[in-house]
Amino acid sequence: MNINLELFDIYYILSGFVFASVIFLLYTARLKKDIRVLKRQYEKKSIGADDSSLKVRTLENKIATLEAALKKQMEK
């Protein structure tokens, strides 16, 4: 009788560990998915920021070119 109760207790303890492990694995998998989504969003934002700064530099260069052409025309 004592052995059956001990095996019963061991079974419940082990099943509790297995259940907790499954919950932990599901939770970590969800966190990894959320981290990947956040990384993608960050990369898209940083690419957009780089792209907009490139556009600004391009427009500044165009303005400088037009100013130089205007000065050249004013001299004539």
C-alpha atoms as a PDB file:
ATOM      1  CA  MET A   1       0.000   0.000   0.000  1.00  0.00           C
ATOM      2  CA  ASN A   2       2.844   2.386   0.883  1.00  0.00           C
ATOM      3  CA  ILE A   3       4.624   1.711  -2.410  1.00  0.00           C
ATOM      4  CA  ASN A   4       1.499   2.512  -4.432  1.00  0.00           C
ATOM      5  CA  LEU A   5       1.110   5.865  -2.705  1.00  0.00           C
ATOM      6  CA  GLU A   6       4.756   6.698  -3.288  1.00  0.00           C
ATOM      7  CA  LEU A   7       4.481   5.789  -6.994  1.00  0.00           C
ATOM      8  CA  PHE A   8       1.296   7.840  -7.174  1.00  0.00           C
ATOM      9  CA  ASP A   9       3.089  10.834  -5.639  1.00  0.00           C
ATOM     10  CA  ILE A  10       6.064  10.415  -7.981  1.00  0.00           C
ATOM     11  CA  TYR A  11       3.678  10.220 -10.948  1.00  0.00           C
ATOM     12  CA  TYR A  12       1.997  13.491  -9.955  1.00  0.00           C
ATOM     13  CA  ILE A  13       5.301  15.256  -9.368  1.00  0.00           C
ATOM     14  CA  LEU A  14       6.678  14.135 -12.735  1.00  0.00           C
ATOM     15  CA  SER A  15       3.477  15.021 -14.556  1.00  0.00           C
ATOM     16  CA  GLY A  16       3.594  18.454 -12.937  1.00  0.00           C
ATOM     17  CA  PHE A  17       7.151  18.957 -14.171  1.00  0.00           C
ATOM     18  CA  VAL A  18       6.186  17.841 -17.670  1.00  0.00           C
ATOM     19  CA  PHE A  19       3.162  20.143 -17.688  1.00  0.00           C
ATOM     20  CA  ALA A  20       5.234  23.085 -16.470  1.00  0.00           C
ATOM     21  CA  SER A  21       7.895  22.338 -19.101  1.00  0.00           C
ATOM     22  CA  VAL A  22       5.302  22.325 -21.881  1.00  0.00           C
ATOM     23  CA  ILE A  23       3.864  25.636 -20.695  1.00  0.00           C
ATOM     24  CA  PHE A  24       7.371  27.125 -20.465  1.00  0.00           C
ATOM     25  CA  LEU A  25       8.262  25.950 -23.985  1.00  0.00           C
ATOM     26  CA  LEU A  26       5.054  27.410 -25.414  1.00  0.00           C
ATOM     27  CA  TYR A  27       5.706  30.709 -23.630  1.00  0.00           C
ATOM     28  CA  THR A  28       9.301  30.935 -24.872  1.00  0.00           C
ATOM     29  CA  ALA A  29       8.196  30.084 -28.425  1.00  0.00           C
ATOM     30  CA  ARG A  30       5.669  32.935 -28.284  1.00  0.00           C
ATOM     31  CA  LEU A  31       8.320  35.328 -26.954  1.00  0.00           C
ATOM     32  CA  LYS A  32      10.715  34.344 -29.748  1.00  0.00           C
ATOM     33  CA  LYS A  33       7.984  35.007 -32.303  1.00  0.00           C
ATOM     34  CA  ASP A  34       7.281  38.430 -30.765  1.00  0.00           C
ATOM     35  CA  ILE A  35      11.007  39.246 -30.804  1.00  0.00           C
ATOM     36  CA  ARG A  36      11.244  38.350 -34.512  1.00  0.00           C
ATOM     37  CA  VAL A  37       8.248  40.573 -35.305  1.00  0.00           C
ATOM     38  CA  LEU A  38       9.746  43.468 -33.353  1.00  0.00           C
ATOM     39  CA  LYS A  39      13.116  43.021 -35.090  1.00  0.00           C
ATOM     40  CA  ARG A  40      11.409  43.167 -38.491  1.00  0.00           C
ATOM     41  CA  GLN A  41       9.547  46.321 -37.516  1.00  0.00           C
ATOM     42  CA  TYR A  42      12.758  47.925 -36.268  1.00  0.00           C
ATOM     43  CA  GLU A  43      14.599  47.001 -39.455  1.00  0.00           C
ATOM     44  CA  LYS A  44      11.814  48.491 -41.579  1.00  0.00           C
ATOM     45  CA  LYS A  45      11.900  51.712 -39.554  1.00  0.00           C
ATOM     46  CA  SER A  46      15.686  51.987 -39.729  1.00  0.00           C
ATOM     47  CA  ILE A  47      15.655  51.348 -43.479  1.00  0.00           C
ATOM     48  CA  GLY A  48      12.997  54.043 -43.850  1.00  0.00           C
ATOM     49  CA  ALA A  49      15.094  56.473 -41.813  1.00  0.00           C
ATOM     50  CA  ASP A  50      18.165  55.737 -43.935  1.00  0.00           C
ATOM     51  CA  ASP A  51      16.069  56.158 -47.060  1.00  0.00           C
ATOM     52  CA  SER A  52      14.679  59.525 -45.955  1.00  0.00           C
ATOM     53  CA  SER A  53      18.134  60.852 -45.022  1.00  0.00           C
ATOM     54  CA  LEU A  54      19.367  59.763 -48.447  1.00  0.00           C
ATOM     55  CA  LYS A  55      16.479  61.653 -50.059  1.00  0.00           C
ATOM     56  CA  VAL A  56      17.363  64.765 -48.056  1.00  0.00           C
ATOM     57  CA  ARG A  57      21.004  64.577 -49.144  1.00  0.00           C
ATOM     58  CA  THR A  58      19.951  64.091 -52.761  1.00  0.00           C
ATOM     59  CA  LEU A  59      17.666  67.126 -52.623  1.00  0.00           C
ATOM     60  CA  GLU A  60      20.406  69.228 -50.998  1.00  0.00           C
ATOM     61  CA  ASN A  61      22.779  68.257 -53.801  1.00  0.00           C
ATOM     62  CA  LYS A  62      20.170  69.176 -56.397  1.00  0.00           C
ATOM     63  CA  ILE A  63      19.620  72.548 -54.731  1.00  0.00           C
ATOM     64  CA  ALA A  64      23.371  73.205 -54.663  1.00  0.00           C
ATOM     65  CA  THR A  65      23.593  72.328 -58.358  1.00  0.00           C
ATOM     66  CA  LEU A  66      20.685  74.618 -59.226  1.00  0.00           C
ATOM     67  CA  GLU A  67      22.164  77.449 -57.160  1.00  0.00           C
ATOM     68  CA  ALA A  68      25.484  77.078 -58.958  1.00  0.00           C
ATOM     69  CA  ALA A  69      23.722  77.096 -62.335  1.00  0.00           C
ATOM     70  CA  LEU A  70      21.724  80.178 -61.336  1.00  0.00           C
ATOM     71  CA  LYS A  71      24.865  82.030 -60.251  1.00  0.00           C
ATOM     72  CA  LYS A  72      26.515  81.105 -63.526  1.00  0.00           C
ATOM     73  CA  GLN A  73      23.554  82.452 -65.486  1.00  0.00           C
ATOM     74  CA  MET A  74      23.442  85.655 -63.403  1.00  0.00           C
ATOM     75  CA  GLU A  75      27.097  86.337 -64.238  1.00  0.00           C
ATOM     76  CA  LYS A  76      26.407  86.238 -67.971  1.00  0.00           C
END
